Amino acid sequence: MASNARGTKATSGLYTPEERVRRDTTVWTLVQGILAPVQFLVFAVSLVLVIRYLMTGEGYWLATGSIVLKTLLLYTIMVTGAIWEKVVFGKYLFAPAFFWEDVVSMAVIALHTLYLWALFAAWPTDTQMWIALAAYGAYVVNAVQFVWKLRMARLQEAQTRAATQGVAA
């Protein structure tokens, strides 16, 4: 199937019918569907804790624990997401349909990993928190990318259903 410059399939949208079946039947779709909102919830709480620390100087260990938890969830969702991508598209990463999401995900992972390096290397606490905020900013961009793709997939499926019902009528 040919891909266009944006990395999506030119003739069939985000998923081919076969990919859609694989997506809908693999347990990894459910795993991603559970991990993504859990990670977002941890992110939201952690963001508040990090900002609180930066504004007041209080709660360093609570903020730090929340960032480490967020990072562990990120690593988990990235590994399971790569497995999902392999099952659905045949590639662990950088399948054309999710190429740019994977590129940004690598930046998100790099920033979270830099945070862990800063933590274990005992960099200044404010520096650690600013790195965490940069990681969180990249995470938000990446989350928006994935929500957008989910929306595009749902629109594609609605169009497919409408076309199928139009033919059947």
N, C-alpha and C. Protein backbone atom coordinates (compact mmCIF):
# COMPACT_ATOMS: atom_id res chain seq x y z
N MET A 1 0.86 -1.17 0.00
CA MET A 1 0.00 0.00 0.00
C MET A 1 0.90 1.23 0.00
N ALA A 2 0.66 2.14 -0.89
CA ALA A 2 1.48 3.34 -0.99
C ALA A 2 1.19 4.29 0.16
N SER A 3 2.24 5.00 0.60
CA SER A 3 2.08 5.99 1.65
C SER A 3 2.29 7.37 1.06
N ASN A 4 1.60 8.35 1.64
CA ASN A 4 1.80 9.71 1.19
C ASN A 4 2.85 10.38 2.07
N ALA A 5 3.13 11.66 1.84
CA ALA A 5 4.18 12.37 2.58
C ALA A 5 3.89 12.48 4.06
N ARG A 6 2.66 12.35 4.46
CA ARG A 6 2.31 12.47 5.88
C ARG A 6 2.43 11.13 6.61
N GLY A 7 2.77 10.08 5.88
CA GLY A 7 2.98 8.79 6.52
C GLY A 7 1.71 7.96 6.70
N THR A 8 0.61 8.37 6.08
CA THR A 8 -0.61 7.58 6.17
C THR A 8 -0.87 6.91 4.83
N LYS A 9 -1.65 5.87 4.82
CA LYS A 9 -1.94 5.16 3.60
C LYS A 9 -2.80 6.03 2.70
N ALA A 10 -2.35 6.19 1.48
CA ALA A 10 -2.99 7.12 0.57
C ALA A 10 -4.39 6.67 0.16
N THR A 11 -4.61 5.38 0.06
CA THR A 11 -5.89 4.93 -0.47
C THR A 11 -6.87 4.45 0.57
N SER A 12 -6.41 4.10 1.76
CA SER A 12 -7.35 3.51 2.70
C SER A 12 -7.40 4.20 4.05
N GLY A 13 -6.78 5.33 4.22
CA GLY A 13 -6.81 6.01 5.50
C GLY A 13 -5.79 5.43 6.46
N LEU A 14 -6.08 5.55 7.73
CA LEU A 14 -5.13 5.17 8.77
C LEU A 14 -4.88 3.66 8.82
N TYR A 15 -5.94 2.87 8.71
CA TYR A 15 -5.82 1.41 8.79
C TYR A 15 -6.39 0.77 7.54
N THR A 16 -5.73 -0.27 7.07
CA THR A 16 -6.35 -1.11 6.05
C THR A 16 -7.39 -1.96 6.77
N PRO A 17 -8.28 -2.60 6.05
CA PRO A 17 -9.25 -3.49 6.72
C PRO A 17 -8.55 -4.58 7.55
N GLU A 18 -7.45 -5.13 7.04
CA GLU A 18 -6.72 -6.17 7.77
C GLU A 18 -6.09 -5.61 9.05
N GLU A 19 -5.52 -4.42 8.97
CA GLU A 19 -4.93 -3.79 10.15
C GLU A 19 -6.00 -3.48 11.20
N ARG A 20 -7.15 -3.04 10.73
CA ARG A 20 -8.25 -2.75 11.65
C ARG A 20 -8.68 -4.01 12.41
N VAL A 21 -8.75 -5.12 11.71
CA VAL A 21 -9.10 -6.39 12.37
C VAL A 21 -8.04 -6.74 13.40
N ARG A 22 -6.76 -6.63 13.03
CA ARG A 22 -5.68 -6.94 13.99
C ARG A 22 -5.74 -5.99 15.18
N ARG A 23 -5.99 -4.71 14.91
CA ARG A 23 -6.10 -3.73 16.00
C ARG A 23 -7.23 -4.10 16.95
N ASP A 24 -8.36 -4.49 16.38
CA ASP A 24 -9.55 -4.75 17.20
C ASP A 24 -9.49 -6.10 17.93
N THR A 25 -8.62 -7.00 17.50
CA THR A 25 -8.60 -8.33 18.12
C THR A 25 -7.40 -8.57 19.04
N THR A 26 -6.43 -7.67 19.05
CA THR A 26 -5.27 -7.89 19.91
C THR A 26 -5.52 -7.36 21.32
N VAL A 27 -5.03 -8.06 22.30
CA VAL A 27 -5.14 -7.63 23.69
C VAL A 27 -4.35 -6.34 23.92
N TRP A 28 -3.36 -6.07 23.06
CA TRP A 28 -2.51 -4.89 23.24
C TRP A 28 -3.28 -3.60 23.03
N THR A 29 -4.38 -3.65 22.28
CA THR A 29 -5.23 -2.46 22.15
C THR A 29 -5.88 -2.12 23.49
N LEU A 30 -6.36 -3.13 24.18
CA LEU A 30 -6.94 -2.93 25.51
C LEU A 30 -5.87 -2.43 26.49
N VAL A 31 -4.69 -3.03 26.44
CA VAL A 31 -3.60 -2.61 27.32
C VAL A 31 -3.30 -1.13 27.11
N GLN A 32 -3.19 -0.71 25.85
CA GLN A 32 -2.94 0.70 25.55
C GLN A 32 -4.10 1.58 26.02
N GLY A 33 -5.31 1.07 25.84
CA GLY A 33 -6.50 1.82 26.26
C GLY A 33 -6.60 2.01 27.76
N ILE A 34 -5.99 1.12 28.52
CA ILE A 34 -5.96 1.26 29.98
C ILE A 34 -4.78 2.12 30.41
N LEU A 35 -3.60 1.84 29.85
CA LEU A 35 -2.39 2.56 30.27
C LEU A 35 -2.42 4.05 29.92
N ALA A 36 -2.96 4.40 28.77
CA ALA A 36 -2.94 5.80 28.35
C ALA A 36 -3.67 6.72 29.33
N PRO A 37 -4.90 6.43 29.74
CA PRO A 37 -5.54 7.33 30.70
C PRO A 37 -4.90 7.28 32.09
N VAL A 38 -4.37 6.12 32.49
CA VAL A 38 -3.68 6.05 33.78
C VAL A 38 -2.45 6.94 33.74
N GLN A 39 -1.68 6.85 32.66
CA GLN A 39 -0.50 7.70 32.52
C GLN A 39 -0.90 9.18 32.53
N PHE A 40 -1.99 9.52 31.86
CA PHE A 40 -2.43 10.92 31.83
C PHE A 40 -2.82 11.41 33.22
N LEU A 41 -3.50 10.57 33.98
CA LEU A 41 -3.88 10.94 35.34
C LEU A 41 -2.65 11.18 36.20
N VAL A 42 -1.67 10.28 36.12
CA VAL A 42 -0.43 10.45 36.88
C VAL A 42 0.28 11.72 36.42
N PHE A 43 0.30 11.97 35.12
CA PHE A 43 0.89 13.20 34.59
C PHE A 43 0.22 14.44 35.19
N ALA A 44 -1.11 14.47 35.20
CA ALA A 44 -1.84 15.64 35.69
C ALA A 44 -1.52 15.91 37.16
N VAL A 45 -1.53 14.87 37.97
CA VAL A 45 -1.20 15.03 39.40
C VAL A 45 0.25 15.47 39.54
N SER A 46 1.13 14.84 38.80
CA SER A 46 2.55 15.16 38.88
C SER A 46 2.83 16.59 38.45
N LEU A 47 2.16 17.03 37.41
CA LEU A 47 2.34 18.40 36.94
C LEU A 47 2.02 19.39 38.05
N VAL A 48 0.93 19.17 38.75
CA VAL A 48 0.56 20.04 39.87
C VAL A 48 1.64 20.00 40.94
N LEU A 49 2.15 18.81 41.25
CA LEU A 49 3.18 18.68 42.29
C LEU A 49 4.48 19.37 41.89
N VAL A 50 4.86 19.24 40.62
CA VAL A 50 6.09 19.89 40.14
C VAL A 50 5.94 21.41 40.19
N ILE A 51 4.81 21.91 39.72
CA ILE A 51 4.59 23.37 39.75
C ILE A 51 4.56 23.86 41.20
N ARG A 52 3.91 23.09 42.07
CA ARG A 52 3.88 23.46 43.49
C ARG A 52 5.30 23.56 44.04
N TYR A 53 6.13 22.57 43.73
CA TYR A 53 7.51 22.62 44.22
C TYR A 53 8.24 23.84 43.67
N LEU A 54 8.11 24.10 42.38
CA LEU A 54 8.81 25.23 41.79
C LEU A 54 8.33 26.57 42.36
N MET A 55 7.06 26.64 42.72
CA MET A 55 6.52 27.89 43.26
C MET A 55 6.80 28.07 44.75
N THR A 56 6.84 26.96 45.50
CA THR A 56 6.95 27.09 46.96
C THR A 56 8.23 26.50 47.54
N GLY A 57 8.90 25.63 46.78
CA GLY A 57 10.06 24.93 47.31
C GLY A 57 9.68 23.77 48.21
N GLU A 58 8.41 23.48 48.31
CA GLU A 58 7.93 22.39 49.16
C GLU A 58 7.49 21.20 48.32
N GLY A 59 7.64 20.01 48.92
CA GLY A 59 7.13 18.80 48.28
C GLY A 59 8.06 18.19 47.25
N TYR A 60 9.36 18.40 47.39
CA TYR A 60 10.31 17.86 46.41
C TYR A 60 10.15 16.35 46.26
N TRP A 61 10.13 15.61 47.35
CA TRP A 61 10.10 14.15 47.26
C TRP A 61 8.77 13.65 46.69
N LEU A 62 7.70 14.33 46.99
CA LEU A 62 6.42 13.95 46.41
C LEU A 62 6.42 14.20 44.89
N ALA A 63 6.92 15.36 44.50
CA ALA A 63 7.03 15.66 43.06
C ALA A 63 7.95 14.66 42.37
N THR A 64 9.07 14.37 43.01
CA THR A 64 10.04 13.44 42.43
C THR A 64 9.43 12.05 42.27
N GLY A 65 8.76 11.57 43.30
CA GLY A 65 8.11 10.26 43.21
C GLY A 65 7.10 10.21 42.09
N SER A 66 6.36 11.29 41.92
CA SER A 66 5.34 11.31 40.86
C SER A 66 5.99 11.33 39.47
N ILE A 67 7.12 12.00 39.33
CA ILE A 67 7.81 12.02 38.03
C ILE A 67 8.38 10.65 37.71
N VAL A 68 8.95 10.00 38.72
CA VAL A 68 9.50 8.65 38.51
C VAL A 68 8.37 7.69 38.13
N LEU A 69 7.23 7.77 38.82
CA LEU A 69 6.08 6.93 38.48
C LEU A 69 5.62 7.21 37.05
N LYS A 70 5.52 8.48 36.69
CA LYS A 70 5.11 8.86 35.32
C LYS A 70 6.10 8.28 34.31
N THR A 71 7.39 8.35 34.62
CA THR A 71 8.41 7.84 33.71
C THR A 71 8.31 6.32 33.56
N LEU A 72 8.08 5.61 34.65
CA LEU A 72 7.92 4.15 34.58
C LEU A 72 6.69 3.79 33.75
N LEU A 73 5.60 4.54 33.93
CA LEU A 73 4.41 4.30 33.10
C LEU A 73 4.70 4.59 31.63
N LEU A 74 5.47 5.65 31.37
CA LEU A 74 5.84 5.98 30.00
C LEU A 74 6.63 4.83 29.37
N TYR A 75 7.63 4.32 30.07
CA TYR A 75 8.41 3.20 29.54
C TYR A 75 7.50 2.00 29.27
N THR A 76 6.58 1.73 30.18
CA THR A 76 5.66 0.60 30.01
C THR A 76 4.77 0.79 28.79
N ILE A 77 4.22 1.98 28.64
CA ILE A 77 3.32 2.22 27.50
C ILE A 77 4.10 2.23 26.19
N MET A 78 5.36 2.62 26.24
CA MET A 78 6.16 2.60 25.02
C MET A 78 6.48 1.17 24.59
N VAL A 79 6.83 0.31 25.54
CA VAL A 79 7.13 -1.08 25.20
C VAL A 79 5.86 -1.77 24.70
N THR A 80 4.77 -1.63 25.43
CA THR A 80 3.53 -2.29 25.00
C THR A 80 3.00 -1.66 23.71
N GLY A 81 3.23 -0.38 23.51
CA GLY A 81 2.83 0.27 22.27
C GLY A 81 3.63 -0.24 21.07
N ALA A 82 4.91 -0.50 21.29
CA ALA A 82 5.73 -1.07 20.22
C ALA A 82 5.24 -2.47 19.85
N ILE A 83 4.86 -3.24 20.86
CA ILE A 83 4.30 -4.57 20.60
C ILE A 83 3.00 -4.44 19.82
N TRP A 84 2.14 -3.50 20.25
CA TRP A 84 0.88 -3.25 19.55
C TRP A 84 1.15 -2.90 18.08
N GLU A 85 2.12 -2.01 17.86
CA GLU A 85 2.43 -1.58 16.50
C GLU A 85 2.93 -2.76 15.66
N LYS A 86 3.71 -3.64 16.26
CA LYS A 86 4.20 -4.83 15.55
C LYS A 86 3.02 -5.74 15.17
N VAL A 87 2.10 -5.96 16.10
CA VAL A 87 0.95 -6.82 15.83
C VAL A 87 0.09 -6.21 14.72
N VAL A 88 -0.17 -4.91 14.80
CA VAL A 88 -1.10 -4.27 13.86
C VAL A 88 -0.45 -3.98 12.51
N PHE A 89 0.78 -3.43 12.53
CA PHE A 89 1.41 -2.94 11.30
C PHE A 89 2.62 -3.76 10.84
N GLY A 90 3.10 -4.68 11.70
CA GLY A 90 4.24 -5.50 11.30
C GLY A 90 5.59 -4.88 11.59
N LYS A 91 5.61 -3.74 12.30
CA LYS A 91 6.86 -3.06 12.66
C LYS A 91 6.76 -2.63 14.11
N TYR A 92 7.85 -2.78 14.86
CA TYR A 92 7.83 -2.38 16.26
C TYR A 92 7.74 -0.87 16.43
N LEU A 93 8.31 -0.13 15.54
CA LEU A 93 8.27 1.33 15.62
C LEU A 93 8.32 1.91 14.21
N PHE A 94 7.86 3.12 14.10
CA PHE A 94 7.95 3.91 12.87
C PHE A 94 7.18 3.31 11.70
N ALA A 95 6.08 2.62 12.01
CA ALA A 95 5.16 2.22 10.94
C ALA A 95 4.64 3.51 10.31
N PRO A 96 4.46 3.54 9.00
CA PRO A 96 4.06 4.78 8.35
C PRO A 96 2.86 5.48 8.99
N ALA A 97 1.87 4.74 9.43
CA ALA A 97 0.67 5.35 10.01
C ALA A 97 0.94 6.09 11.31
N PHE A 98 2.01 5.72 12.02
CA PHE A 98 2.33 6.35 13.31
C PHE A 98 3.77 6.87 13.35
N PHE A 99 4.32 7.16 12.20
CA PHE A 99 5.72 7.58 12.13
C PHE A 99 6.01 8.80 13.00
N TRP A 100 5.26 9.89 12.80
CA TRP A 100 5.56 11.13 13.53
C TRP A 100 5.23 11.03 15.01
N GLU A 101 4.23 10.22 15.34
CA GLU A 101 3.95 9.99 16.75
C GLU A 101 5.12 9.28 17.41
N ASP A 102 5.71 8.32 16.70
CA ASP A 102 6.86 7.59 17.23
C ASP A 102 8.09 8.50 17.33
N VAL A 103 8.27 9.38 16.36
CA VAL A 103 9.40 10.32 16.42
C VAL A 103 9.29 11.19 17.68
N VAL A 104 8.12 11.76 17.90
CA VAL A 104 7.93 12.60 19.08
C VAL A 104 8.03 11.76 20.36
N SER A 105 7.54 10.54 20.31
CA SER A 105 7.66 9.65 21.47
C SER A 105 9.12 9.44 21.86
N MET A 106 10.00 9.35 20.88
CA MET A 106 11.43 9.19 21.18
C MET A 106 11.96 10.42 21.93
N ALA A 107 11.51 11.61 21.54
CA ALA A 107 11.91 12.82 22.26
C ALA A 107 11.36 12.82 23.68
N VAL A 108 10.12 12.36 23.83
CA VAL A 108 9.51 12.28 25.16
C VAL A 108 10.31 11.33 26.05
N ILE A 109 10.66 10.17 25.50
CA ILE A 109 11.46 9.20 26.26
C ILE A 109 12.82 9.78 26.60
N ALA A 110 13.44 10.45 25.65
CA ALA A 110 14.77 11.03 25.90
C ALA A 110 14.71 12.05 27.04
N LEU A 111 13.69 12.90 27.04
CA LEU A 111 13.58 13.91 28.10
C LEU A 111 13.28 13.28 29.46
N HIS A 112 12.42 12.29 29.49
CA HIS A 112 12.15 11.60 30.76
C HIS A 112 13.41 10.88 31.27
N THR A 113 14.15 10.28 30.35
CA THR A 113 15.39 9.61 30.73
C THR A 113 16.43 10.62 31.21
N LEU A 114 16.50 11.77 30.57
CA LEU A 114 17.38 12.84 31.04
C LEU A 114 17.00 13.25 32.45
N TYR A 115 15.71 13.32 32.73
CA TYR A 115 15.28 13.63 34.10
C TYR A 115 15.84 12.59 35.08
N LEU A 116 15.69 11.31 34.76
CA LEU A 116 16.21 10.27 35.66
C LEU A 116 17.72 10.41 35.84
N TRP A 117 18.41 10.73 34.76
CA TRP A 117 19.86 10.96 34.86
C TRP A 117 20.14 12.12 35.82
N ALA A 118 19.41 13.20 35.66
CA ALA A 118 19.60 14.37 36.52
C ALA A 118 19.29 14.03 37.98
N LEU A 119 18.27 13.24 38.19
CA LEU A 119 17.91 12.83 39.55
C LEU A 119 19.03 12.00 40.18
N PHE A 120 19.48 10.98 39.48
CA PHE A 120 20.49 10.08 40.05
C PHE A 120 21.88 10.72 40.09
N ALA A 121 22.12 11.71 39.24
CA ALA A 121 23.40 12.42 39.26
C ALA A 121 23.36 13.59 40.26
N ALA A 122 22.22 13.76 40.93
CA ALA A 122 22.03 14.81 41.94
C ALA A 122 22.25 16.21 41.38
N TRP A 123 21.71 16.44 40.19
CA TRP A 123 21.72 17.80 39.65
C TRP A 123 20.87 18.67 40.56
N PRO A 124 20.99 19.98 40.46
CA PRO A 124 20.15 20.86 41.30
C PRO A 124 18.67 20.54 41.12
N THR A 125 17.93 20.59 42.23
CA THR A 125 16.53 20.17 42.20
C THR A 125 15.69 21.01 41.25
N ASP A 126 15.95 22.30 41.17
CA ASP A 126 15.20 23.13 40.22
C ASP A 126 15.47 22.68 38.78
N THR A 127 16.70 22.33 38.48
CA THR A 127 17.04 21.85 37.14
C THR A 127 16.27 20.57 36.84
N GLN A 128 16.21 19.67 37.81
CA GLN A 128 15.46 18.43 37.63
C GLN A 128 14.00 18.74 37.28
N MET A 129 13.41 19.65 38.02
CA MET A 129 11.99 19.96 37.81
C MET A 129 11.76 20.62 36.46
N TRP A 130 12.68 21.47 36.02
CA TRP A 130 12.53 22.11 34.71
C TRP A 130 12.67 21.07 33.60
N ILE A 131 13.55 20.10 33.79
CA ILE A 131 13.65 19.01 32.81
C ILE A 131 12.33 18.24 32.78
N ALA A 132 11.77 17.98 33.95
CA ALA A 132 10.49 17.28 34.01
C ALA A 132 9.42 18.07 33.27
N LEU A 133 9.39 19.37 33.46
CA LEU A 133 8.40 20.19 32.75
C LEU A 133 8.61 20.14 31.24
N ALA A 134 9.86 20.14 30.79
CA ALA A 134 10.13 20.01 29.36
C ALA A 134 9.64 18.65 28.86
N ALA A 135 9.90 17.59 29.64
CA ALA A 135 9.42 16.26 29.28
C ALA A 135 7.90 16.24 29.21
N TYR A 136 7.27 16.91 30.16
CA TYR A 136 5.81 16.94 30.19
C TYR A 136 5.25 17.73 29.00
N GLY A 137 5.92 18.80 28.61
CA GLY A 137 5.49 19.55 27.43
C GLY A 137 5.53 18.68 26.18
N ALA A 138 6.62 17.93 26.02
CA ALA A 138 6.73 17.02 24.87
C ALA A 138 5.67 15.93 24.96
N TYR A 139 5.40 15.45 26.18
CA TYR A 139 4.37 14.42 26.38
C TYR A 139 3.00 14.96 25.94
N VAL A 140 2.69 16.19 26.26
CA VAL A 140 1.39 16.76 25.86
C VAL A 140 1.28 16.81 24.34
N VAL A 141 2.35 17.24 23.67
CA VAL A 141 2.35 17.26 22.20
C VAL A 141 2.07 15.85 21.67
N ASN A 142 2.77 14.85 22.24
CA ASN A 142 2.61 13.47 21.81
C ASN A 142 1.20 12.96 22.09
N ALA A 143 0.66 13.29 23.25
CA ALA A 143 -0.70 12.87 23.59
C ALA A 143 -1.71 13.45 22.60
N VAL A 144 -1.53 14.71 22.24
CA VAL A 144 -2.42 15.35 21.25
C VAL A 144 -2.31 14.62 19.91
N GLN A 145 -1.09 14.25 19.53
CA GLN A 145 -0.93 13.49 18.28
C GLN A 145 -1.75 12.20 18.31
N PHE A 146 -1.66 11.47 19.41
CA PHE A 146 -2.36 10.19 19.49
C PHE A 146 -3.88 10.37 19.57
N VAL A 147 -4.34 11.38 20.28
CA VAL A 147 -5.79 11.65 20.32
C VAL A 147 -6.29 12.03 18.93
N TRP A 148 -5.50 12.80 18.20
CA TRP A 148 -5.85 13.17 16.84
C TRP A 148 -5.95 11.93 15.95
N LYS A 149 -4.99 11.01 16.09
CA LYS A 149 -5.03 9.77 15.30
C LYS A 149 -6.25 8.93 15.67
N LEU A 150 -6.58 8.87 16.95
CA LEU A 150 -7.77 8.14 17.38
C LEU A 150 -9.00 8.75 16.73
N ARG A 151 -9.07 10.05 16.72
CA ARG A 151 -10.20 10.75 16.08
C ARG A 151 -10.26 10.44 14.59
N MET A 152 -9.11 10.47 13.92
CA MET A 152 -9.07 10.18 12.48
C MET A 152 -9.51 8.73 12.21
N ALA A 153 -9.10 7.81 13.07
CA ALA A 153 -9.50 6.41 12.90
C ALA A 153 -11.01 6.26 13.05
N ARG A 154 -11.57 6.96 14.03
CA ARG A 154 -13.03 6.88 14.22
C ARG A 154 -13.78 7.48 13.04
N LEU A 155 -13.28 8.60 12.52
CA LEU A 155 -13.91 9.20 11.33
C LEU A 155 -13.82 8.25 10.13
N GLN A 156 -12.65 7.62 9.96
CA GLN A 156 -12.48 6.67 8.86
C GLN A 156 -13.47 5.52 8.99
N GLU A 157 -13.63 5.01 10.20
CA GLU A 157 -14.56 3.90 10.41
C GLU A 157 -16.00 4.33 10.15
N ALA A 158 -16.36 5.54 10.55
CA ALA A 158 -17.72 6.04 10.29
C ALA A 158 -17.95 6.18 8.79
N GLN A 159 -16.94 6.67 8.07
CA GLN A 159 -17.07 6.79 6.62
C GLN A 159 -17.20 5.42 5.96
N THR A 160 -16.44 4.46 6.44
CA THR A 160 -16.51 3.10 5.90
C THR A 160 -17.89 2.50 6.15
N ARG A 161 -18.41 2.68 7.37
CA ARG A 161 -19.75 2.18 7.69
C ARG A 161 -20.80 2.84 6.80
N ALA A 162 -20.69 4.16 6.64
CA ALA A 162 -21.67 4.88 5.82
C ALA A 162 -21.61 4.40 4.36
N ALA A 163 -20.41 4.20 3.86
CA ALA A 163 -20.27 3.73 2.47
C ALA A 163 -20.83 2.32 2.32
N THR A 164 -20.58 1.47 3.30
CA THR A 164 -21.08 0.10 3.28
C THR A 164 -22.60 0.08 3.36
N GLN A 165 -23.17 0.91 4.23
CA GLN A 165 -24.63 0.97 4.35
C GLN A 165 -25.26 1.57 3.10
N GLY A 166 -24.57 2.52 2.47
CA GLY A 166 -25.07 3.12 1.24
C GLY A 166 -25.13 2.11 0.10
N VAL A 167 -24.13 1.22 0.06
CA VAL A 167 -24.11 0.18 -0.96
C VAL A 167 -25.19 -0.86 -0.68
N ALA A 168 -25.40 -1.18 0.59
CA ALA A 168 -26.38 -2.19 0.95
C ALA A 168 -27.80 -1.71 0.76
N ALA A 169 -28.02 -0.41 0.79
CA ALA A 169 -29.40 0.12 0.73
C ALA A 169 -29.99 0.11 -0.64
